[in-house]
Structure formats: structure tokens, C-alpha cells
Amino acid sequence: MGEMKISEEAVFRWVLIVGVAAASIIALTLLTRPLVGAIWGLILVIAASVHAYRWLQNWRAKGSDPRS
């Protein structure tokens, strides 16, 4: 398999995505009940897992980074 190269730009993008997701969970929890925030967090984790699984399958099929 090909070597996975991680750029500073990609890491920064993921830090922003995780930060926005965490902020949305905290805000929703504070505005509503903790159960609603927990459900929203679970939905975000499931969506991220599906996205990561599809990306990994594509990466394995191509043998390299699918973005290139």
C-alpha cells in the first residue's frame, strides 16, 4: 500500500471540524437537555465513522490517497 502523507493543512482542517462539532454539542446541551446533546454527539460520531470507512475503502481500492 502507499504511504499516507499528512499535511499541516489537513491536520488544521480536522482540528477545526472537531472543534466546531464539539462546540455544537456543548451549545445544544446547554440550550436543551443533556440527552439531546448526547444524541447529537452520537449522530456526529456515526456520520464521521461512515465517512472515514468510505474514505478508507476508496484509499485501499486505489492504493493511494484518494484526494490525489
C-alpha atoms as a PDB file:
ATOM      1  CA  MET A   1       0.000   0.000   0.000  1.00  0.00           C
ATOM      2  CA  GLY A   2       1.011   3.589  -0.498  1.00  0.00           C
ATOM      3  CA  GLU A   3       2.373   5.774   2.214  1.00  0.00           C
ATOM      4  CA  MET A   4      -0.164   8.126   3.763  1.00  0.00           C
ATOM      5  CA  LYS A   5       1.180  11.665   3.855  1.00  0.00           C
ATOM      6  CA  ILE A   6      -0.425  14.031   6.341  1.00  0.00           C
ATOM      7  CA  SER A   7      -0.018  17.726   5.704  1.00  0.00           C
ATOM      8  CA  GLU A   8      -0.291  20.532   8.216  1.00  0.00           C
ATOM      9  CA  GLU A   9      -3.263  21.868   6.255  1.00  0.00           C
ATOM     10  CA  ALA A  10      -5.138  18.570   6.597  1.00  0.00           C
ATOM     11  CA  VAL A  11      -4.490  18.398  10.333  1.00  0.00           C
ATOM     12  CA  PHE A  12      -5.634  22.001  10.800  1.00  0.00           C
ATOM     13  CA  ARG A  13      -8.817  21.259   8.855  1.00  0.00           C
ATOM     14  CA  TRP A  14      -9.596  18.285  11.110  1.00  0.00           C
ATOM     15  CA  VAL A  15      -8.892  20.331  14.247  1.00  0.00           C
ATOM     16  CA  LEU A  16     -11.418  22.913  13.044  1.00  0.00           C
ATOM     17  CA  ILE A  17     -14.003  20.257  12.194  1.00  0.00           C
ATOM     18  CA  VAL A  18     -13.667  18.578  15.588  1.00  0.00           C
ATOM     19  CA  GLY A  19     -13.774  21.960  17.334  1.00  0.00           C
ATOM     20  CA  VAL A  20     -16.966  23.014  15.552  1.00  0.00           C
ATOM     21  CA  ALA A  21     -18.579  19.651  16.266  1.00  0.00           C
ATOM     22  CA  ALA A  22     -17.660  19.877  19.958  1.00  0.00           C
ATOM     23  CA  ALA A  23     -18.954  23.446  20.160  1.00  0.00           C
ATOM     24  CA  SER A  24     -22.257  22.425  18.573  1.00  0.00           C
ATOM     25  CA  ILE A  25     -22.659  19.562  21.057  1.00  0.00           C
ATOM     26  CA  ILE A  26     -21.895  21.830  24.019  1.00  0.00           C
ATOM     27  CA  ALA A  27     -24.227  24.585  22.783  1.00  0.00           C
ATOM     28  CA  LEU A  28     -27.073  22.161  22.113  1.00  0.00           C
ATOM     29  CA  THR A  29     -26.597  20.543  25.513  1.00  0.00           C
ATOM     30  CA  LEU A  30     -26.654  23.892  27.292  1.00  0.00           C
ATOM     31  CA  LEU A  31     -29.721  25.077  25.364  1.00  0.00           C
ATOM     32  CA  THR A  32     -31.690  21.858  25.830  1.00  0.00           C
ATOM     33  CA  ARG A  33     -31.283  18.725  27.930  1.00  0.00           C
ATOM     34  CA  PRO A  34     -28.127  16.605  28.233  1.00  0.00           C
ATOM     35  CA  LEU A  35     -29.877  13.734  26.435  1.00  0.00           C
ATOM     36  CA  VAL A  36     -30.370  15.873  23.326  1.00  0.00           C
ATOM     37  CA  GLY A  37     -26.670  16.808  23.307  1.00  0.00           C
ATOM     38  CA  ALA A  38     -25.674  13.173  23.763  1.00  0.00           C
ATOM     39  CA  ILE A  39     -27.891  12.072  20.867  1.00  0.00           C
ATOM     40  CA  TRP A  40     -26.462  14.845  18.657  1.00  0.00           C
ATOM     41  CA  GLY A  41     -22.935  13.753  19.585  1.00  0.00           C
ATOM     42  CA  LEU A  42     -23.784  10.151  18.726  1.00  0.00           C
ATOM     43  CA  ILE A  43     -25.168  11.224  15.351  1.00  0.00           C
ATOM     44  CA  LEU A  44     -21.969  13.154  14.601  1.00  0.00           C
ATOM     45  CA  VAL A  45     -19.768  10.205  15.600  1.00  0.00           C
ATOM     46  CA  ILE A  46     -21.768   7.819  13.395  1.00  0.00           C
ATOM     47  CA  ALA A  47     -21.603  10.225  10.438  1.00  0.00           C
ATOM     48  CA  ALA A  48     -17.844  10.637  10.881  1.00  0.00           C
ATOM     49  CA  SER A  49     -17.368   6.865  11.120  1.00  0.00           C
ATOM     50  CA  VAL A  50     -19.301   6.268   7.899  1.00  0.00           C
ATOM     51  CA  HIS A  51     -17.274   8.962   6.136  1.00  0.00           C
ATOM     52  CA  ALA A  52     -13.979   7.517   7.414  1.00  0.00           C
ATOM     53  CA  TYR A  53     -14.976   3.976   6.400  1.00  0.00           C
ATOM     54  CA  ARG A  54     -15.856   5.072   2.859  1.00  0.00           C
ATOM     55  CA  TRP A  55     -12.643   7.090   2.562  1.00  0.00           C
ATOM     56  CA  LEU A  56     -10.579   4.128   3.769  1.00  0.00           C
ATOM     57  CA  GLN A  57     -12.262   1.743   1.321  1.00  0.00           C
ATOM     58  CA  ASN A  58     -11.548   4.178  -1.519  1.00  0.00           C
ATOM     59  CA  TRP A  59      -7.952   4.585  -0.350  1.00  0.00           C
ATOM     60  CA  ARG A  60      -7.428   0.816  -0.258  1.00  0.00           C
ATOM     61  CA  ALA A  61      -9.013   0.357  -3.690  1.00  0.00           C
ATOM     62  CA  LYS A  62      -6.776   2.982  -5.293  1.00  0.00           C
ATOM     63  CA  GLY A  63      -3.690   2.068  -3.298  1.00  0.00           C
ATOM     64  CA  SER A  64      -3.019   5.718  -2.522  1.00  0.00           C
ATOM     65  CA  ASP A  65      -4.599   8.874  -1.155  1.00  0.00           C
ATOM     66  CA  PRO A  66      -7.977   9.273  -2.928  1.00  0.00           C
ATOM     67  CA  ARG A  67      -7.637  13.067  -2.894  1.00  0.00           C
ATOM     68  CA  SER A  68      -4.802  12.921  -5.422  1.00  0.00           C
END
